[in-house]
N, C-alpha and C. Protein backbone atom coordinates (compact mmCIF):
# COMPACT_ATOMS: atom_id res chain seq x y z
N MET A 1 36.03 -35.95 -78.74
CA MET A 1 34.76 -36.09 -78.08
C MET A 1 34.40 -34.75 -77.64
N THR A 2 33.23 -34.31 -77.33
CA THR A 2 33.11 -33.03 -76.89
C THR A 2 32.80 -33.03 -75.33
N SER A 3 33.48 -31.96 -74.68
CA SER A 3 33.41 -32.00 -73.34
C SER A 3 31.83 -31.42 -72.88
N ASP A 4 31.72 -31.76 -71.49
CA ASP A 4 30.43 -31.26 -70.82
C ASP A 4 30.42 -29.77 -71.15
N ALA A 5 31.42 -28.96 -70.83
CA ALA A 5 31.91 -27.60 -71.04
C ALA A 5 31.19 -27.01 -72.31
N ASP A 6 31.55 -27.60 -73.34
CA ASP A 6 31.62 -27.49 -74.89
C ASP A 6 30.14 -27.51 -75.05
N ARG A 7 29.43 -28.69 -74.44
CA ARG A 7 28.12 -28.89 -74.77
C ARG A 7 27.34 -27.92 -74.22
N LEU A 8 27.49 -27.37 -73.04
CA LEU A 8 26.88 -26.52 -72.42
C LEU A 8 26.77 -25.14 -72.95
N ARG A 9 27.94 -24.54 -73.26
CA ARG A 9 28.18 -23.38 -74.28
C ARG A 9 27.44 -23.51 -75.34
N ASP A 10 27.53 -24.58 -76.23
CA ASP A 10 26.72 -24.71 -77.33
C ASP A 10 25.18 -24.37 -77.03
N ALA A 11 24.80 -25.22 -76.13
CA ALA A 11 23.38 -25.41 -75.88
C ALA A 11 22.95 -23.73 -75.31
N LEU A 12 23.84 -23.09 -74.41
CA LEU A 12 23.42 -21.81 -74.42
C LEU A 12 23.60 -20.47 -75.30
N ALA A 13 24.31 -20.87 -76.27
CA ALA A 13 24.39 -19.94 -77.51
C ALA A 13 23.11 -20.06 -78.16
N GLN A 14 22.09 -21.06 -78.11
CA GLN A 14 20.91 -20.93 -78.56
C GLN A 14 19.89 -19.80 -78.22
N LEU A 15 20.23 -19.53 -76.64
CA LEU A 15 19.45 -18.32 -76.27
C LEU A 15 19.85 -17.05 -76.66
N ALA A 16 18.95 -16.02 -76.44
CA ALA A 16 19.23 -14.72 -77.08
C ALA A 16 19.48 -13.94 -75.88
N TRP A 17 20.62 -12.99 -75.71
CA TRP A 17 20.94 -12.21 -74.66
C TRP A 17 20.96 -10.88 -74.94
N PRO A 18 20.52 -9.86 -73.92
CA PRO A 18 20.68 -8.47 -74.30
C PRO A 18 22.32 -8.49 -74.07
N VAL A 19 22.77 -7.21 -74.67
CA VAL A 19 24.16 -6.83 -74.66
C VAL A 19 24.41 -5.59 -73.59
N VAL A 20 24.94 -5.90 -72.52
CA VAL A 20 25.00 -5.10 -71.59
C VAL A 20 26.48 -4.63 -71.23
N VAL A 21 26.97 -3.21 -71.12
CA VAL A 21 28.16 -3.01 -71.03
C VAL A 21 27.85 -2.16 -69.74
N ALA A 22 28.94 -2.95 -68.50
CA ALA A 22 28.90 -2.42 -67.16
C ALA A 22 30.13 -1.44 -67.04
N THR A 23 29.92 -0.28 -66.37
CA THR A 23 30.80 0.83 -66.35
C THR A 23 31.16 1.02 -64.84
N THR A 24 32.29 1.81 -64.62
CA THR A 24 32.23 2.26 -63.34
C THR A 24 33.54 3.13 -63.39
N THR A 25 33.77 4.01 -62.20
CA THR A 25 35.26 4.90 -62.00
C THR A 25 35.49 4.52 -60.75
N VAL A 26 36.97 4.62 -60.41
CA VAL A 26 37.60 4.38 -59.40
C VAL A 26 38.82 5.13 -59.47
N ASP A 27 39.06 6.04 -58.38
CA ASP A 27 40.38 6.97 -58.50
C ASP A 27 40.33 7.62 -59.60
N GLY A 28 39.21 8.12 -60.08
CA GLY A 28 39.00 9.00 -61.15
C GLY A 28 39.32 8.38 -62.71
N VAL A 29 39.84 7.17 -62.54
CA VAL A 29 39.88 6.36 -63.78
C VAL A 29 38.53 5.25 -64.19
N ASP A 30 37.98 5.53 -65.43
CA ASP A 30 36.85 4.74 -65.93
C ASP A 30 37.21 3.52 -66.49
N TYR A 31 36.34 2.27 -65.92
CA TYR A 31 36.41 1.02 -66.41
C TYR A 31 35.23 0.54 -67.00
N GLY A 32 35.22 -0.44 -67.78
CA GLY A 32 34.03 -1.08 -68.37
C GLY A 32 34.28 -2.58 -68.69
N PHE A 33 33.29 -3.43 -69.02
CA PHE A 33 33.47 -4.73 -69.56
C PHE A 33 32.10 -4.92 -70.30
N THR A 34 32.06 -6.06 -71.56
CA THR A 34 30.79 -6.25 -71.95
C THR A 34 30.59 -7.45 -71.23
N ALA A 35 29.26 -7.53 -70.59
CA ALA A 35 28.85 -8.64 -69.63
C ALA A 35 28.16 -9.93 -70.49
N SER A 36 28.66 -10.82 -70.31
CA SER A 36 27.96 -11.88 -71.20
C SER A 36 26.65 -12.78 -69.99
N SER A 37 26.77 -12.09 -68.63
CA SER A 37 25.67 -12.76 -67.80
C SER A 37 25.24 -11.30 -67.09
N PHE A 38 23.92 -10.81 -67.36
CA PHE A 38 23.47 -9.91 -66.50
C PHE A 38 21.86 -10.33 -66.62
N THR A 39 21.17 -10.06 -65.19
CA THR A 39 19.83 -10.55 -64.78
C THR A 39 19.41 -9.72 -63.78
N SER A 40 18.24 -9.73 -63.97
CA SER A 40 17.07 -9.24 -63.02
C SER A 40 17.16 -10.21 -61.93
N VAL A 41 17.47 -9.79 -60.50
CA VAL A 41 17.64 -10.83 -59.57
C VAL A 41 16.27 -10.84 -58.52
N SER A 42 15.73 -9.65 -58.24
CA SER A 42 14.66 -9.46 -57.43
C SER A 42 14.06 -7.92 -57.89
N MET A 43 12.79 -7.90 -57.31
CA MET A 43 12.16 -6.86 -57.60
C MET A 43 11.68 -6.10 -56.10
N THR A 44 12.05 -7.17 -55.03
CA THR A 44 11.66 -6.31 -53.64
C THR A 44 12.99 -6.83 -52.60
N PRO A 45 13.90 -6.08 -52.74
CA PRO A 45 13.97 -5.00 -53.36
C PRO A 45 14.43 -5.07 -54.73
N PRO A 46 14.42 -4.03 -55.45
CA PRO A 46 14.89 -4.03 -56.82
C PRO A 46 16.46 -4.46 -56.73
N THR A 47 16.88 -5.49 -57.57
CA THR A 47 18.12 -5.60 -57.27
C THR A 47 18.58 -6.34 -58.71
N LEU A 48 19.74 -6.09 -59.47
CA LEU A 48 20.22 -6.54 -60.56
C LEU A 48 21.52 -7.11 -60.41
N GLY A 49 22.06 -8.10 -61.20
CA GLY A 49 23.15 -8.78 -61.17
C GLY A 49 24.01 -8.96 -62.28
N VAL A 50 25.31 -8.94 -62.25
CA VAL A 50 26.13 -9.18 -63.46
C VAL A 50 27.33 -10.05 -62.83
N PHE A 51 27.97 -10.80 -63.84
CA PHE A 51 28.81 -11.62 -63.49
C PHE A 51 30.11 -10.86 -64.30
N LEU A 52 31.31 -11.08 -63.56
CA LEU A 52 32.66 -10.42 -64.01
C LEU A 52 33.65 -11.64 -63.99
N ALA A 53 34.39 -11.89 -64.82
CA ALA A 53 35.57 -13.00 -64.55
C ALA A 53 36.76 -12.56 -63.82
N ASP A 54 37.32 -13.17 -62.93
CA ASP A 54 38.34 -12.67 -62.03
C ASP A 54 39.38 -12.58 -62.90
N THR A 55 39.56 -12.93 -64.23
CA THR A 55 40.92 -12.64 -65.11
C THR A 55 40.50 -11.25 -66.02
N ALA A 56 39.48 -10.79 -65.79
CA ALA A 56 39.31 -9.37 -66.61
C ALA A 56 40.05 -8.24 -66.10
N GLY A 57 40.71 -7.53 -67.03
CA GLY A 57 41.43 -6.52 -66.66
C GLY A 57 40.82 -5.46 -65.78
N SER A 58 39.24 -5.39 -65.53
CA SER A 58 38.96 -4.44 -64.99
C SER A 58 38.45 -5.02 -63.45
N TYR A 59 38.62 -6.38 -63.21
CA TYR A 59 38.30 -6.82 -61.98
C TYR A 59 38.62 -6.14 -60.74
N PRO A 60 39.93 -5.74 -60.69
CA PRO A 60 40.31 -4.87 -59.52
C PRO A 60 39.36 -3.81 -59.14
N ALA A 61 39.08 -3.09 -60.11
CA ALA A 61 38.57 -1.79 -60.15
C ALA A 61 36.85 -2.02 -59.62
N PHE A 62 36.26 -3.15 -60.27
CA PHE A 62 34.86 -3.53 -59.88
C PHE A 62 34.85 -4.05 -58.48
N MET A 63 35.85 -4.64 -57.84
CA MET A 63 35.92 -5.19 -56.72
C MET A 63 36.11 -4.10 -55.50
N ARG A 64 36.60 -3.00 -55.94
CA ARG A 64 36.53 -1.69 -54.99
C ARG A 64 35.43 -0.51 -55.25
N ALA A 65 34.73 -1.07 -56.65
CA ALA A 65 33.71 0.23 -56.71
C ALA A 65 32.62 0.14 -55.75
N GLU A 66 31.75 1.41 -55.63
CA GLU A 66 30.67 1.55 -55.03
C GLU A 66 29.14 1.54 -55.88
N ARG A 67 29.70 1.80 -56.97
CA ARG A 67 28.41 2.14 -57.92
C ARG A 67 28.89 1.79 -59.19
N LEU A 68 27.83 1.25 -60.11
CA LEU A 68 28.33 1.26 -61.48
C LEU A 68 27.12 1.48 -62.37
N ALA A 69 27.34 1.51 -63.61
CA ALA A 69 26.25 1.84 -64.69
C ALA A 69 26.11 0.38 -65.40
N PHE A 70 24.96 0.01 -65.70
CA PHE A 70 24.37 -1.18 -66.91
C PHE A 70 24.06 -0.28 -67.95
N ASN A 71 24.65 -0.38 -69.12
CA ASN A 71 24.39 0.13 -70.18
C ASN A 71 23.94 -0.82 -71.30
N ILE A 72 22.62 -0.89 -71.36
CA ILE A 72 21.99 -1.79 -72.40
C ILE A 72 21.97 -1.41 -73.42
N LEU A 73 22.77 -1.99 -74.47
CA LEU A 73 23.17 -1.32 -75.69
C LEU A 73 21.92 -1.40 -76.67
N GLY A 74 21.73 -0.31 -77.54
CA GLY A 74 20.96 -0.29 -78.91
C GLY A 74 21.43 -1.12 -80.05
N GLU A 75 20.50 -1.34 -80.90
CA GLU A 75 20.84 -2.19 -82.04
C GLU A 75 22.09 -1.46 -82.99
N ASP A 76 22.48 -0.35 -82.63
CA ASP A 76 23.67 0.33 -83.52
C ASP A 76 24.82 0.42 -82.67
N GLN A 77 24.83 -0.30 -81.86
CA GLN A 77 26.15 -0.22 -80.78
C GLN A 77 27.13 -1.44 -80.76
N GLU A 78 27.09 -2.33 -81.84
CA GLU A 78 27.86 -3.27 -82.03
C GLU A 78 29.31 -2.98 -81.52
N ASP A 79 29.77 -2.09 -82.16
CA ASP A 79 30.95 -1.47 -82.31
C ASP A 79 31.54 -1.11 -80.68
N VAL A 80 30.30 -0.83 -79.85
CA VAL A 80 30.63 -0.56 -78.28
C VAL A 80 30.79 -1.94 -77.66
N ALA A 81 30.14 -2.61 -78.01
CA ALA A 81 30.06 -4.01 -77.41
C ALA A 81 31.39 -4.63 -77.58
N LYS A 82 32.01 -4.78 -78.71
CA LYS A 82 33.06 -5.21 -79.33
C LYS A 82 34.24 -4.72 -78.45
N THR A 83 34.39 -3.44 -78.41
CA THR A 83 35.41 -2.52 -77.70
C THR A 83 35.62 -3.00 -76.17
N PHE A 84 34.42 -2.77 -75.67
CA PHE A 84 34.25 -3.33 -74.22
C PHE A 84 34.49 -4.75 -73.90
N ALA A 85 34.63 -5.56 -74.75
CA ALA A 85 35.06 -7.05 -74.71
C ALA A 85 36.52 -7.18 -74.93
N THR A 86 37.07 -6.25 -75.14
CA THR A 86 38.71 -6.30 -75.50
C THR A 86 39.32 -5.69 -74.06
N ARG A 87 40.63 -5.99 -74.30
CA ARG A 87 41.48 -5.37 -72.93
C ARG A 87 41.97 -3.96 -73.32
N ASN A 88 41.40 -3.44 -74.44
CA ASN A 88 41.99 -1.97 -74.99
C ASN A 88 41.64 -1.02 -73.83
N PRO A 89 43.06 -0.42 -73.58
CA PRO A 89 43.06 0.60 -72.33
C PRO A 89 42.35 1.78 -72.57
N ASP A 90 42.06 1.99 -73.39
CA ASP A 90 41.00 3.18 -73.86
C ASP A 90 39.84 3.03 -74.38
N LYS A 91 38.90 2.36 -73.64
CA LYS A 91 37.51 1.94 -74.16
C LYS A 91 36.70 2.96 -74.46
N PHE A 92 36.77 4.01 -73.74
CA PHE A 92 36.16 5.30 -73.82
C PHE A 92 36.35 6.05 -74.96
N ALA A 93 37.36 5.96 -75.62
CA ALA A 93 37.86 6.81 -76.56
C ALA A 93 36.62 7.03 -77.49
N GLY A 94 36.36 8.28 -77.89
CA GLY A 94 35.41 8.61 -78.92
C GLY A 94 33.92 8.52 -78.51
N LEU A 95 33.76 8.08 -77.57
CA LEU A 95 32.35 7.67 -76.70
C LEU A 95 31.72 8.94 -75.80
N GLU A 96 30.61 9.36 -76.22
CA GLU A 96 29.88 10.39 -75.38
C GLU A 96 29.35 9.81 -73.96
N VAL A 97 29.95 10.32 -72.80
CA VAL A 97 30.13 9.92 -71.57
C VAL A 97 29.41 10.90 -70.63
N ASP A 98 28.49 10.32 -69.70
CA ASP A 98 27.76 11.19 -68.88
C ASP A 98 28.39 10.78 -67.35
N HIS A 99 28.95 11.66 -66.77
CA HIS A 99 29.40 11.30 -65.31
C HIS A 99 28.73 11.83 -64.26
N THR A 100 27.41 12.50 -64.68
CA THR A 100 26.65 13.16 -63.62
C THR A 100 26.25 12.41 -62.19
N ALA A 101 26.13 11.07 -62.39
CA ALA A 101 25.92 10.28 -61.47
C ALA A 101 26.84 9.72 -60.65
N GLY A 102 28.28 9.91 -60.90
CA GLY A 102 29.66 9.26 -60.30
C GLY A 102 30.00 8.35 -61.25
N VAL A 103 29.30 7.94 -62.00
CA VAL A 103 30.17 6.59 -63.06
C VAL A 103 29.84 7.05 -64.60
N PRO A 104 30.70 6.49 -65.23
CA PRO A 104 30.42 6.73 -66.79
C PRO A 104 29.30 5.87 -67.44
N ALA A 105 28.31 6.79 -67.76
CA ALA A 105 27.19 6.32 -68.43
C ALA A 105 27.35 6.54 -69.81
N LEU A 106 27.13 5.66 -70.80
CA LEU A 106 27.17 5.58 -72.14
C LEU A 106 26.09 6.36 -72.78
N VAL A 107 26.38 7.43 -73.08
CA VAL A 107 24.75 8.28 -73.46
C VAL A 107 23.97 7.72 -74.52
N HIS A 108 24.71 7.17 -75.52
CA HIS A 108 23.68 6.53 -76.46
C HIS A 108 23.03 5.26 -76.17
N SER A 109 23.10 4.78 -74.91
CA SER A 109 22.55 3.28 -74.76
C SER A 109 21.10 3.34 -74.73
N MET A 110 20.37 2.23 -75.11
CA MET A 110 19.11 2.25 -75.27
C MET A 110 18.45 2.31 -73.73
N VAL A 111 18.99 1.47 -72.65
CA VAL A 111 18.89 1.81 -71.26
C VAL A 111 19.84 2.04 -70.58
N THR A 112 20.01 2.88 -69.49
CA THR A 112 20.88 3.00 -68.46
C THR A 112 20.46 2.82 -67.07
N ILE A 113 21.11 2.11 -66.51
CA ILE A 113 20.73 1.86 -64.86
C ILE A 113 21.93 2.14 -64.07
N ILE A 114 21.76 3.20 -63.23
CA ILE A 114 22.99 3.52 -62.34
C ILE A 114 22.17 2.74 -60.93
N ALA A 115 23.29 2.20 -60.58
CA ALA A 115 23.23 1.18 -59.38
C ALA A 115 24.21 1.26 -58.44
N ASP A 116 23.84 0.97 -57.22
CA ASP A 116 24.88 0.85 -55.98
C ASP A 116 25.36 -0.42 -55.80
N ILE A 117 26.28 -0.99 -55.72
CA ILE A 117 26.79 -2.39 -55.35
C ILE A 117 26.72 -2.46 -54.32
N VAL A 118 25.80 -3.64 -53.76
CA VAL A 118 25.30 -3.82 -52.45
C VAL A 118 26.13 -5.27 -52.03
N ASP A 119 26.57 -6.08 -52.80
CA ASP A 119 27.17 -7.28 -52.45
C ASP A 119 28.08 -7.97 -53.58
N ARG A 120 28.83 -8.64 -53.22
CA ARG A 120 29.83 -9.54 -54.21
C ARG A 120 29.87 -10.77 -53.65
N ARG A 121 29.45 -11.72 -54.48
CA ARG A 121 29.58 -13.11 -54.30
C ARG A 121 30.45 -13.82 -55.33
N LYS A 122 31.55 -14.53 -54.59
CA LYS A 122 32.46 -15.33 -55.65
C LYS A 122 31.65 -16.65 -56.09
N ALA A 123 31.76 -16.96 -57.44
CA ALA A 123 31.19 -17.85 -57.99
C ALA A 123 32.05 -18.69 -58.91
N GLU A 124 32.80 -19.35 -58.52
CA GLU A 124 34.06 -20.08 -59.33
C GLU A 124 35.06 -19.21 -59.77
N ASP A 125 35.11 -18.70 -60.92
CA ASP A 125 36.10 -18.21 -61.48
C ASP A 125 35.64 -16.82 -61.91
N HIS A 126 34.40 -16.33 -61.34
CA HIS A 126 33.73 -15.02 -61.57
C HIS A 126 33.44 -14.44 -60.31
N VAL A 127 32.77 -13.21 -60.18
CA VAL A 127 32.25 -12.91 -59.17
C VAL A 127 31.09 -12.16 -59.50
N LEU A 128 29.78 -12.21 -58.76
CA LEU A 128 28.59 -11.84 -58.84
C LEU A 128 28.16 -10.38 -58.24
N LEU A 129 28.42 -9.55 -59.06
CA LEU A 129 28.17 -8.10 -58.66
C LEU A 129 26.64 -7.84 -58.31
N LEU A 130 25.99 -7.58 -57.15
CA LEU A 130 24.88 -7.38 -56.87
C LEU A 130 24.55 -5.93 -56.70
N ALA A 131 23.65 -5.26 -57.46
CA ALA A 131 23.45 -3.76 -57.03
C ALA A 131 22.12 -3.58 -57.41
N ARG A 132 21.65 -2.41 -56.67
CA ARG A 132 20.42 -1.74 -56.40
C ARG A 132 20.13 -0.50 -57.34
N PRO A 133 19.33 -0.54 -58.16
CA PRO A 133 19.12 0.60 -59.01
C PRO A 133 18.80 2.02 -58.30
N VAL A 134 19.36 3.02 -58.72
CA VAL A 134 19.14 4.40 -58.21
C VAL A 134 18.82 4.98 -59.37
N ILE A 135 18.99 5.06 -60.29
CA ILE A 135 18.51 6.02 -61.57
C ILE A 135 18.29 4.87 -62.83
N VAL A 136 16.95 5.20 -63.49
CA VAL A 136 16.80 4.26 -64.46
C VAL A 136 16.45 5.22 -65.79
N SER A 137 16.97 4.95 -67.04
CA SER A 137 16.50 5.68 -67.93
C SER A 137 16.42 4.97 -69.26
N SER A 138 15.63 5.46 -70.17
CA SER A 138 15.63 4.47 -71.37
C SER A 138 15.15 5.48 -72.71
N VAL A 139 15.52 5.04 -73.80
CA VAL A 139 15.06 5.76 -75.00
C VAL A 139 14.35 4.59 -75.84
N ALA A 140 13.39 5.11 -76.95
CA ALA A 140 12.77 4.36 -77.71
C ALA A 140 14.05 3.58 -78.57
N GLY A 141 13.79 2.46 -79.14
CA GLY A 141 14.71 1.61 -80.32
C GLY A 141 14.68 0.23 -79.92
N GLY A 142 15.22 -0.30 -80.96
CA GLY A 142 15.59 -1.72 -80.79
C GLY A 142 16.80 -2.13 -79.89
N PRO A 143 16.84 -3.50 -79.45
CA PRO A 143 18.07 -3.50 -78.46
C PRO A 143 19.09 -4.53 -79.33
N LEU A 144 20.10 -4.47 -78.89
CA LEU A 144 21.27 -5.40 -79.74
C LEU A 144 21.32 -6.83 -79.00
N ILE A 145 21.10 -7.79 -79.56
CA ILE A 145 20.88 -9.10 -78.82
C ILE A 145 22.14 -9.82 -79.39
N TYR A 146 22.62 -10.70 -78.45
CA TYR A 146 23.75 -11.85 -78.72
C TYR A 146 23.09 -12.98 -78.86
N HIS A 147 23.21 -13.85 -80.04
CA HIS A 147 22.65 -15.08 -80.03
C HIS A 147 23.48 -15.79 -81.33
N GLN A 148 23.76 -17.04 -80.66
CA GLN A 148 24.55 -18.03 -81.66
C GLN A 148 25.97 -17.38 -81.76
N ARG A 149 26.49 -16.85 -80.72
CA ARG A 149 27.90 -16.25 -80.66
C ARG A 149 28.12 -14.85 -81.74
N ALA A 150 26.96 -14.37 -82.07
CA ALA A 150 27.00 -13.23 -83.01
C ALA A 150 25.83 -12.20 -82.67
N PHE A 151 26.20 -10.90 -83.05
CA PHE A 151 25.20 -9.84 -82.61
C PHE A 151 24.42 -9.70 -83.59
N HIS A 152 22.98 -9.39 -83.24
CA HIS A 152 21.55 -9.54 -84.11
C HIS A 152 20.91 -8.34 -83.63
N ARG A 153 20.26 -7.79 -84.64
CA ARG A 153 18.96 -6.99 -84.40
C ARG A 153 17.60 -7.70 -84.51
N LEU A 154 16.73 -7.07 -83.92
CA LEU A 154 15.35 -7.63 -83.92
C LEU A 154 14.78 -7.27 -85.13
N PRO A 155 13.87 -7.71 -85.96
CA PRO A 155 13.23 -7.45 -87.18
C PRO A 155 12.38 -6.26 -87.03
N ALA A 156 12.32 -5.14 -87.80
CA ALA A 156 11.66 -4.05 -87.50
C ALA A 156 10.22 -4.45 -87.51
N GLU A 157 9.43 -3.55 -86.78
CA GLU A 157 7.99 -3.95 -86.78
C GLU A 157 7.09 -3.50 -87.95
N ASP A 158 6.12 -4.14 -88.52
CA ASP A 158 5.46 -3.66 -89.47
C ASP A 158 4.41 -2.41 -88.91
């Protein structure tokens, strides 16, 4: 018999999600994770949210961080998403990173949003990090999408 959690997980797999890597720096060390839940919370004031599991290796760092970067990945960054979804201790190896705003922004992301963390809310076995954008940049290109437990690209426009 399928559990309620399994049915919910299967149902949510029907939705398409942007692939977001959240990154920060604490005590001179860079941390990051691939987020499975990222959202716009409010436009007044502009507020974004991301959920982080309390079992994640980067959890202690994000609980201390004051700022983070939301790196919304482009269609050619599947390898980046997979790397940040692991417990690999050197997730930033080989990546071009910009620390100008005090956190590691992944240079080739489709969208980069530098944001100040304004609140943390415990939500069962996760924490919701609420952040206010201070710098937003983007480049043209297609997004990397997560759907049916796999990465996808949108079809090219005619």
